[in-house]
Amino acid sequence: MHQYRSPVPSLNVTFAEHELALLRLAAASAGQSLARFVRGAALAEAWEHHLRAAYEDMHRNLSEQGAPLADRATYLAVVAQEGTL
């Protein structure tokens, strides 16, 4: 089990019954507890949002600099490889 650096008390998130049933089914099919599954889904969404925002920011900055599209793609590939995006 993971050790979390700053534990957060439970988040009061409300789901409709059909949404909760879907989450339970998905968690069970993934072999995870409901809490672990929901935590993972929330983190995946947060990372997706972060990466999308970083890409849009990078694209805007490179566009303003007049960088050719090929240079933008190369830059994105390099920072993604380095994990610095």
PDB file of N, CA and C in Angstrom:
ATOM      1  N   MET A   1       0.834  -1.175   0.000  1.00  0.00           N
ATOM      2  CA  MET A   1       0.000   0.000   0.000  1.00  0.00           C
ATOM      3  C   MET A   1       0.883   1.244   0.000  1.00  0.00           C
ATOM      4  N   HIS A   2       0.410   2.297  -0.616  1.00  0.00           N
ATOM      5  CA  HIS A   2       1.157   3.548  -0.716  1.00  0.00           C
ATOM      6  C   HIS A   2       1.112   4.318   0.601  1.00  0.00           C
ATOM      7  N   GLN A   3       2.181   5.027   0.858  1.00  0.00           N
ATOM      8  CA  GLN A   3       2.214   5.966   1.972  1.00  0.00           C
ATOM      9  C   GLN A   3       2.030   7.356   1.382  1.00  0.00           C
ATOM     10  N   TYR A   4       1.034   8.056   1.844  1.00  0.00           N
ATOM     11  CA  TYR A   4       0.764   9.389   1.328  1.00  0.00           C
ATOM     12  C   TYR A   4       1.406  10.413   2.239  1.00  0.00           C
ATOM     13  N   ARG A   5       2.026  11.421   1.649  1.00  0.00           N
ATOM     14  CA  ARG A   5       2.743  12.417   2.428  1.00  0.00           C
ATOM     15  C   ARG A   5       1.814  13.316   3.228  1.00  0.00           C
ATOM     16  N   SER A   6       0.747  13.753   2.642  1.00  0.00           N
ATOM     17  CA  SER A   6      -0.174  14.617   3.369  1.00  0.00           C
ATOM     18  C   SER A   6      -1.584  14.069   3.211  1.00  0.00           C
ATOM     19  N   PRO A   7      -1.980  13.222   4.153  1.00  0.00           N
ATOM     20  CA  PRO A   7      -3.303  12.610   4.026  1.00  0.00           C
ATOM     21  C   PRO A   7      -4.399  13.671   4.048  1.00  0.00           C
ATOM     22  N   VAL A   8      -5.369  13.462   3.209  1.00  0.00           N
ATOM     23  CA  VAL A   8      -6.514  14.356   3.127  1.00  0.00           C
ATOM     24  C   VAL A   8      -7.698  13.608   3.721  1.00  0.00           C
ATOM     25  N   PRO A   9      -8.418  14.237   4.609  1.00  0.00           N
ATOM     26  CA  PRO A   9      -9.620  13.575   5.098  1.00  0.00           C
ATOM     27  C   PRO A   9     -10.543  13.290   3.922  1.00  0.00           C
ATOM     28  N   SER A  10     -11.483  12.453   4.129  1.00  0.00           N
ATOM     29  CA  SER A  10     -12.350  12.048   3.025  1.00  0.00           C
ATOM     30  C   SER A  10     -12.937  13.254   2.309  1.00  0.00           C
ATOM     31  N   LEU A  11     -13.039  13.113   1.017  1.00  0.00           N
ATOM     32  CA  LEU A  11     -13.688  14.136   0.201  1.00  0.00           C
ATOM     33  C   LEU A  11     -15.158  13.741   0.087  1.00  0.00           C
ATOM     34  N   ASN A  12     -16.017  14.656   0.343  1.00  0.00           N
ATOM     35  CA  ASN A  12     -17.446  14.364   0.242  1.00  0.00           C
ATOM     36  C   ASN A  12     -17.897  14.589  -1.191  1.00  0.00           C
ATOM     37  N   VAL A  13     -17.891  13.503  -1.956  1.00  0.00           N
ATOM     38  CA  VAL A  13     -18.291  13.545  -3.357  1.00  0.00           C
ATOM     39  C   VAL A  13     -19.575  12.756  -3.482  1.00  0.00           C
ATOM     40  N   THR A  14     -20.556  13.354  -4.122  1.00  0.00           N
ATOM     41  CA  THR A  14     -21.857  12.716  -4.255  1.00  0.00           C
ATOM     42  C   THR A  14     -22.009  12.137  -5.653  1.00  0.00           C
ATOM     43  N   PHE A  15     -22.510  10.920  -5.729  1.00  0.00           N
ATOM     44  CA  PHE A  15     -22.792  10.263  -6.999  1.00  0.00           C
ATOM     45  C   PHE A  15     -24.244   9.814  -6.998  1.00  0.00           C
ATOM     46  N   ALA A  16     -24.845   9.827  -8.167  1.00  0.00           N
ATOM     47  CA  ALA A  16     -26.172   9.236  -8.328  1.00  0.00           C
ATOM     48  C   ALA A  16     -26.019   7.719  -8.184  1.00  0.00           C
ATOM     49  N   GLU A  17     -27.089   7.043  -7.869  1.00  0.00           N
ATOM     50  CA  GLU A  17     -27.017   5.576  -7.683  1.00  0.00           C
ATOM     51  C   GLU A  17     -26.461   4.872  -8.921  1.00  0.00           C
ATOM     52  N   HIS A  18     -26.909   5.283 -10.115  1.00  0.00           N
ATOM     53  CA  HIS A  18     -26.424   4.613 -11.332  1.00  0.00           C
ATOM     54  C   HIS A  18     -24.932   4.901 -11.561  1.00  0.00           C
ATOM     55  N   GLU A  19     -24.466   6.091 -11.160  1.00  0.00           N
ATOM     56  CA  GLU A  19     -23.043   6.408 -11.287  1.00  0.00           C
ATOM     57  C   GLU A  19     -22.219   5.578 -10.312  1.00  0.00           C
ATOM     58  N   LEU A  20     -22.702   5.449  -9.097  1.00  0.00           N
ATOM     59  CA  LEU A  20     -22.005   4.653  -8.093  1.00  0.00           C
ATOM     60  C   LEU A  20     -21.959   3.184  -8.500  1.00  0.00           C
ATOM     61  N   ALA A  21     -23.052   2.692  -9.072  1.00  0.00           N
ATOM     62  CA  ALA A  21     -23.076   1.307  -9.550  1.00  0.00           C
ATOM     63  C   ALA A  21     -22.031   1.108 -10.650  1.00  0.00           C
ATOM     64  N   LEU A  22     -21.923   2.083 -11.548  1.00  0.00           N
ATOM     65  CA  LEU A  22     -20.930   2.005 -12.617  1.00  0.00           C
ATOM     66  C   LEU A  22     -19.517   2.011 -12.055  1.00  0.00           C
ATOM     67  N   LEU A  23     -19.269   2.880 -11.076  1.00  0.00           N
ATOM     68  CA  LEU A  23     -17.947   2.935 -10.448  1.00  0.00           C
ATOM     69  C   LEU A  23     -17.616   1.624  -9.743  1.00  0.00           C
ATOM     70  N   ARG A  24     -18.574   1.080  -9.028  1.00  0.00           N
ATOM     71  CA  ARG A  24     -18.339  -0.209  -8.334  1.00  0.00           C
ATOM     72  C   ARG A  24     -18.027  -1.313  -9.323  1.00  0.00           C
ATOM     73  N   LEU A  25     -18.766  -1.359 -10.415  1.00  0.00           N
ATOM     74  CA  LEU A  25     -18.544  -2.374 -11.439  1.00  0.00           C
ATOM     75  C   LEU A  25     -17.157  -2.222 -12.063  1.00  0.00           C
ATOM     76  N   ALA A  26     -16.792  -0.991 -12.381  1.00  0.00           N
ATOM     77  CA  ALA A  26     -15.478  -0.747 -12.986  1.00  0.00           C
ATOM     78  C   ALA A  26     -14.357  -1.091 -12.011  1.00  0.00           C
ATOM     79  N   ALA A  27     -14.513  -0.718 -10.749  1.00  0.00           N
ATOM     80  CA  ALA A  27     -13.492  -1.023  -9.742  1.00  0.00           C
ATOM     81  C   ALA A  27     -13.337  -2.528  -9.578  1.00  0.00           C
ATOM     82  N   ALA A  28     -14.443  -3.223  -9.520  1.00  0.00           N
ATOM     83  CA  ALA A  28     -14.394  -4.683  -9.371  1.00  0.00           C
ATOM     84  C   ALA A  28     -13.727  -5.333 -10.574  1.00  0.00           C
ATOM     85  N   SER A  29     -14.051  -4.854 -11.776  1.00  0.00           N
ATOM     86  CA  SER A  29     -13.439  -5.459 -12.964  1.00  0.00           C
ATOM     87  C   SER A  29     -11.953  -5.143 -13.051  1.00  0.00           C
ATOM     88  N   ALA A  30     -11.531  -4.050 -12.411  1.00  0.00           N
ATOM     89  CA  ALA A  30     -10.109  -3.700 -12.367  1.00  0.00           C
ATOM     90  C   ALA A  30      -9.404  -4.371 -11.186  1.00  0.00           C
ATOM     91  N   GLY A  31     -10.166  -5.077 -10.350  1.00  0.00           N
ATOM     92  CA  GLY A  31      -9.577  -5.743  -9.191  1.00  0.00           C
ATOM     93  C   GLY A  31      -9.115  -4.766  -8.124  1.00  0.00           C
ATOM     94  N   GLN A  32      -9.799  -3.631  -8.018  1.00  0.00           N
ATOM     95  CA  GLN A  32      -9.409  -2.604  -7.062  1.00  0.00           C
ATOM     96  C   GLN A  32     -10.581  -2.272  -6.138  1.00  0.00           C
ATOM     97  N   SER A  33     -10.232  -1.714  -5.001  1.00  0.00           N
ATOM     98  CA  SER A  33     -11.284  -1.207  -4.130  1.00  0.00           C
ATOM     99  C   SER A  33     -11.893   0.020  -4.801  1.00  0.00           C
ATOM    100  N   LEU A  34     -13.087   0.366  -4.389  1.00  0.00           N
ATOM    101  CA  LEU A  34     -13.738   1.539  -4.948  1.00  0.00           C
ATOM    102  C   LEU A  34     -12.904   2.795  -4.686  1.00  0.00           C
ATOM    103  N   ALA A  35     -12.382   2.925  -3.470  1.00  0.00           N
ATOM    104  CA  ALA A  35     -11.577   4.100  -3.125  1.00  0.00           C
ATOM    105  C   ALA A  35     -10.334   4.198  -4.003  1.00  0.00           C
ATOM    106  N   ARG A  36      -9.642   3.093  -4.191  1.00  0.00           N
ATOM    107  CA  ARG A  36      -8.431   3.105  -5.016  1.00  0.00           C
ATOM    108  C   ARG A  36      -8.763   3.436  -6.470  1.00  0.00           C
ATOM    109  N   PHE A  37      -9.853   2.863  -6.960  1.00  0.00           N
ATOM    110  CA  PHE A  37     -10.250   3.109  -8.348  1.00  0.00           C
ATOM    111  C   PHE A  37     -10.599   4.577  -8.565  1.00  0.00           C
ATOM    112  N   VAL A  38     -11.389   5.149  -7.662  1.00  0.00           N
ATOM    113  CA  VAL A  38     -11.798   6.550  -7.797  1.00  0.00           C
ATOM    114  C   VAL A  38     -10.585   7.470  -7.659  1.00  0.00           C
ATOM    115  N   ARG A  39      -9.682   7.151  -6.738  1.00  0.00           N
ATOM    116  CA  ARG A  39      -8.462   7.947  -6.582  1.00  0.00           C
ATOM    117  C   ARG A  39      -7.646   7.924  -7.873  1.00  0.00           C
ATOM    118  N   GLY A  40      -7.471   6.740  -8.440  1.00  0.00           N
ATOM    119  CA  GLY A  40      -6.714   6.605  -9.689  1.00  0.00           C
ATOM    120  C   GLY A  40      -7.371   7.360 -10.836  1.00  0.00           C
ATOM    121  N   ALA A  41      -8.694   7.272 -10.925  1.00  0.00           N
ATOM    122  CA  ALA A  41      -9.412   7.982 -11.989  1.00  0.00           C
ATOM    123  C   ALA A  41      -9.266   9.492 -11.831  1.00  0.00           C
ATOM    124  N   ALA A  42      -9.352   9.975 -10.598  1.00  0.00           N
ATOM    125  CA  ALA A  42      -9.204  11.415 -10.346  1.00  0.00           C
ATOM    126  C   ALA A  42      -7.797  11.883 -10.704  1.00  0.00           C
ATOM    127  N   LEU A  43      -6.789  11.107 -10.321  1.00  0.00           N
ATOM    128  CA  LEU A  43      -5.408  11.481 -10.645  1.00  0.00           C
ATOM    129  C   LEU A  43      -5.148  11.428 -12.142  1.00  0.00           C
ATOM    130  N   ALA A  44      -5.705  10.433 -12.818  1.00  0.00           N
ATOM    131  CA  ALA A  44      -5.533  10.342 -14.274  1.00  0.00           C
ATOM    132  C   ALA A  44      -6.145  11.560 -14.958  1.00  0.00           C
ATOM    133  N   GLU A  45      -7.311  11.972 -14.506  1.00  0.00           N
ATOM    134  CA  GLU A  45      -7.954  13.157 -15.073  1.00  0.00           C
ATOM    135  C   GLU A  45      -7.140  14.416 -14.788  1.00  0.00           C
ATOM    136  N   ALA A  46      -6.598  14.505 -13.573  1.00  0.00           N
ATOM    137  CA  ALA A  46      -5.785  15.673 -13.213  1.00  0.00           C
ATOM    138  C   ALA A  46      -4.528  15.744 -14.076  1.00  0.00           C
ATOM    139  N   TRP A  47      -3.862  14.603 -14.293  1.00  0.00           N
ATOM    140  CA  TRP A  47      -2.667  14.593 -15.143  1.00  0.00           C
ATOM    141  C   TRP A  47      -3.013  14.947 -16.576  1.00  0.00           C
ATOM    142  N   GLU A  48      -4.134  14.428 -17.064  1.00  0.00           N
ATOM    143  CA  GLU A  48      -4.556  14.747 -18.429  1.00  0.00           C
ATOM    144  C   GLU A  48      -4.784  16.250 -18.566  1.00  0.00           C
ATOM    145  N   HIS A  49      -5.438  16.838 -17.590  1.00  0.00           N
ATOM    146  CA  HIS A  49      -5.677  18.278 -17.600  1.00  0.00           C
ATOM    147  C   HIS A  49      -4.347  19.040 -17.573  1.00  0.00           C
ATOM    148  N   HIS A  50      -3.446  18.620 -16.705  1.00  0.00           N
ATOM    149  CA  HIS A  50      -2.134  19.277 -16.582  1.00  0.00           C
ATOM    150  C   HIS A  50      -1.362  19.201 -17.898  1.00  0.00           C
ATOM    151  N   LEU A  51      -1.310  18.031 -18.500  1.00  0.00           N
ATOM    152  CA  LEU A  51      -0.562  17.865 -19.747  1.00  0.00           C
ATOM    153  C   LEU A  51      -1.192  18.650 -20.888  1.00  0.00           C
ATOM    154  N   ARG A  52      -2.528  18.659 -20.943  1.00  0.00           N
ATOM    155  CA  ARG A  52      -3.213  19.417 -21.985  1.00  0.00           C
ATOM    156  C   ARG A  52      -2.910  20.914 -21.839  1.00  0.00           C
ATOM    157  N   ALA A  53      -2.984  21.413 -20.608  1.00  0.00           N
ATOM    158  CA  ALA A  53      -2.697  22.831 -20.363  1.00  0.00           C
ATOM    159  C   ALA A  53      -1.243  23.158 -20.693  1.00  0.00           C
ATOM    160  N   ALA A  54      -0.318  22.269 -20.330  1.00  0.00           N
ATOM    161  CA  ALA A  54       1.101  22.496 -20.621  1.00  0.00           C
ATOM    162  C   ALA A  54       1.346  22.490 -22.132  1.00  0.00           C
ATOM    163  N   TYR A  55       0.689  21.573 -22.836  1.00  0.00           N
ATOM    164  CA  TYR A  55       0.849  21.523 -24.287  1.00  0.00           C
ATOM    165  C   TYR A  55       0.300  22.796 -24.930  1.00  0.00           C
ATOM    166  N   GLU A  56      -0.884  23.230 -24.483  1.00  0.00           N
ATOM    167  CA  GLU A  56      -1.477  24.440 -25.058  1.00  0.00           C
ATOM    168  C   GLU A  56      -0.599  25.663 -24.783  1.00  0.00           C
ATOM    169  N   ASP A  57      -0.027  25.727 -23.587  1.00  0.00           N
ATOM    170  CA  ASP A  57       0.867  26.827 -23.240  1.00  0.00           C
ATOM    171  C   ASP A  57       2.124  26.795 -24.110  1.00  0.00           C
ATOM    172  N   MET A  58       2.710  25.601 -24.261  1.00  0.00           N
ATOM    173  CA  MET A  58       3.899  25.452 -25.089  1.00  0.00           C
ATOM    174  C   MET A  58       3.591  25.814 -26.540  1.00  0.00           C
ATOM    175  N   HIS A  59       2.460  25.339 -27.034  1.00  0.00           N
ATOM    176  CA  HIS A  59       2.073  25.617 -28.416  1.00  0.00           C
ATOM    177  C   HIS A  59       1.893  27.119 -28.630  1.00  0.00           C
ATOM    178  N   ARG A  60       1.242  27.780 -27.685  1.00  0.00           N
ATOM    179  CA  ARG A  60       1.031  29.224 -27.784  1.00  0.00           C
ATOM    180  C   ARG A  60       2.381  29.964 -27.771  1.00  0.00           C
ATOM    181  N   ASN A  61       3.261  29.576 -26.856  1.00  0.00           N
ATOM    182  CA  ASN A  61       4.574  30.236 -26.771  1.00  0.00           C
ATOM    183  C   ASN A  61       5.389  30.039 -28.043  1.00  0.00           C
ATOM    184  N   LEU A  62       5.415  28.833 -28.566  1.00  0.00           N
ATOM    185  CA  LEU A  62       6.181  28.573 -29.783  1.00  0.00           C
ATOM    186  C   LEU A  62       5.549  29.257 -30.989  1.00  0.00           C
ATOM    187  N   SER A  63       4.214  29.321 -31.009  1.00  0.00           N
ATOM    188  CA  SER A  63       3.539  30.013 -32.112  1.00  0.00           C
ATOM    189  C   SER A  63       3.875  31.492 -32.104  1.00  0.00           C
ATOM    190  N   GLU A  64       3.882  32.082 -30.905  1.00  0.00           N
ATOM    191  CA  GLU A  64       4.210  33.500 -30.785  1.00  0.00           C
ATOM    192  C   GLU A  64       5.648  33.768 -31.216  1.00  0.00           C
ATOM    193  N   GLN A  65       6.515  32.792 -31.036  1.00  0.00           N
ATOM    194  CA  GLN A  65       7.916  32.942 -31.435  1.00  0.00           C
ATOM    195  C   GLN A  65       8.092  32.676 -32.926  1.00  0.00           C
ATOM    196  N   GLY A  66       7.026  32.195 -33.564  1.00  0.00           N
ATOM    197  CA  GLY A  66       7.097  31.915 -34.992  1.00  0.00           C
ATOM    198  C   GLY A  66       7.805  30.619 -35.315  1.00  0.00           C
ATOM    199  N   ALA A  67       7.880  29.716 -34.355  1.00  0.00           N
ATOM    200  CA  ALA A  67       8.559  28.441 -34.604  1.00  0.00           C
ATOM    201  C   ALA A  67       7.753  27.605 -35.596  1.00  0.00           C
ATOM    202  N   PRO A  68       8.417  27.009 -36.575  1.00  0.00           N
ATOM    203  CA  PRO A  68       7.717  26.146 -37.531  1.00  0.00           C
ATOM    204  C   PRO A  68       7.070  24.954 -36.812  1.00  0.00           C
ATOM    205  N   LEU A  69       6.036  24.427 -37.425  1.00  0.00           N
ATOM    206  CA  LEU A  69       5.288  23.329 -36.830  1.00  0.00           C
ATOM    207  C   LEU A  69       6.196  22.133 -36.523  1.00  0.00           C
ATOM    208  N   ALA A  70       7.148  21.821 -37.395  1.00  0.00           N
ATOM    209  CA  ALA A  70       8.055  20.692 -37.163  1.00  0.00           C
ATOM    210  C   ALA A  70       8.885  20.916 -35.907  1.00  0.00           C
ATOM    211  N   ASP A  71       9.312  22.150 -35.672  1.00  0.00           N
ATOM    212  CA  ASP A  71      10.085  22.457 -34.458  1.00  0.00           C
ATOM    213  C   ASP A  71       9.230  22.284 -33.209  1.00  0.00           C
ATOM    214  N   ARG A  72       7.961  22.661 -33.313  1.00  0.00           N
ATOM    215  CA  ARG A  72       7.054  22.495 -32.167  1.00  0.00           C
ATOM    216  C   ARG A  72       6.880  21.018 -31.833  1.00  0.00           C
ATOM    217  N   ALA A  73       6.703  20.192 -32.871  1.00  0.00           N
ATOM    218  CA  ALA A  73       6.527  18.763 -32.660  1.00  0.00           C
ATOM    219  C   ALA A  73       7.782  18.147 -32.060  1.00  0.00           C
ATOM    220  N   THR A  74       8.947  18.551 -32.536  1.00  0.00           N
ATOM    221  CA  THR A  74      10.212  18.051 -31.995  1.00  0.00           C
ATOM    222  C   THR A  74      10.354  18.440 -30.534  1.00  0.00           C
ATOM    223  N   TYR A  75      10.047  19.688 -30.221  1.00  0.00           N
ATOM    224  CA  TYR A  75      10.139  20.164 -28.837  1.00  0.00           C
ATOM    225  C   TYR A  75       9.208  19.347 -27.936  1.00  0.00           C
ATOM    226  N   LEU A  76       7.987  19.134 -28.379  1.00  0.00           N
ATOM    227  CA  LEU A  76       7.031  18.365 -27.584  1.00  0.00           C
ATOM    228  C   LEU A  76       7.544  16.955 -27.353  1.00  0.00           C
ATOM    229  N   ALA A  77       8.091  16.324 -28.388  1.00  0.00           N
ATOM    230  CA  ALA A  77       8.609  14.962 -28.245  1.00  0.00           C
ATOM    231  C   ALA A  77       9.759  14.910 -27.248  1.00  0.00           C
ATOM    232  N   VAL A  78      10.649  15.889 -27.293  1.00  0.00           N
ATOM    233  CA  VAL A  78      11.808  15.914 -26.395  1.00  0.00           C
ATOM    234  C   VAL A  78      11.366  16.103 -24.945  1.00  0.00           C
ATOM    235  N   VAL A  79      10.500  17.082 -24.698  1.00  0.00           N
ATOM    236  CA  VAL A  79      10.090  17.317 -23.300  1.00  0.00           C
ATOM    237  C   VAL A  79       9.242  16.173 -22.777  1.00  0.00           C
ATOM    238  N   ALA A  80       8.473  15.527 -23.632  1.00  0.00           N
ATOM    239  CA  ALA A  80       7.701  14.363 -23.197  1.00  0.00           C
ATOM    240  C   ALA A  80       8.648  13.230 -22.821  1.00  0.00           C
ATOM    241  N   GLN A  81       9.688  13.035 -23.627  1.00  0.00           N
ATOM    242  CA  GLN A  81      10.695  11.996 -23.343  1.00  0.00           C
ATOM    243  C   GLN A  81      11.421  12.278 -22.047  1.00  0.00           C
ATOM    244  N   GLU A  82      11.753  13.531 -21.813  1.00  0.00           N
ATOM    245  CA  GLU A  82      12.478  13.909 -20.601  1.00  0.00           C
ATOM    246  C   GLU A  82      11.578  13.941 -19.383  1.00  0.00           C
ATOM    247  N   GLY A  83      10.285  14.000 -19.613  1.00  0.00           N
ATOM    248  CA  GLY A  83       9.357  14.103 -18.495  1.00  0.00           C
ATOM    249  C   GLY A  83       9.297  15.486 -17.895  1.00  0.00           C
ATOM    250  N   THR A  84       9.665  16.497 -18.673  1.00  0.00           N
ATOM    251  CA  THR A  84       9.682  17.860 -18.151  1.00  0.00           C
ATOM    252  C   THR A  84       8.468  18.668 -18.559  1.00  0.00           C
ATOM    253  N   LEU A  85       7.523  18.053 -19.241  1.00  0.00           N
ATOM    254  CA  LEU A  85       6.331  18.771 -19.663  1.00  0.00           C
ATOM    255  C   LEU A  85       5.405  18.999 -18.516  1.00  0.00           C
TER     256      LEU A  85
END
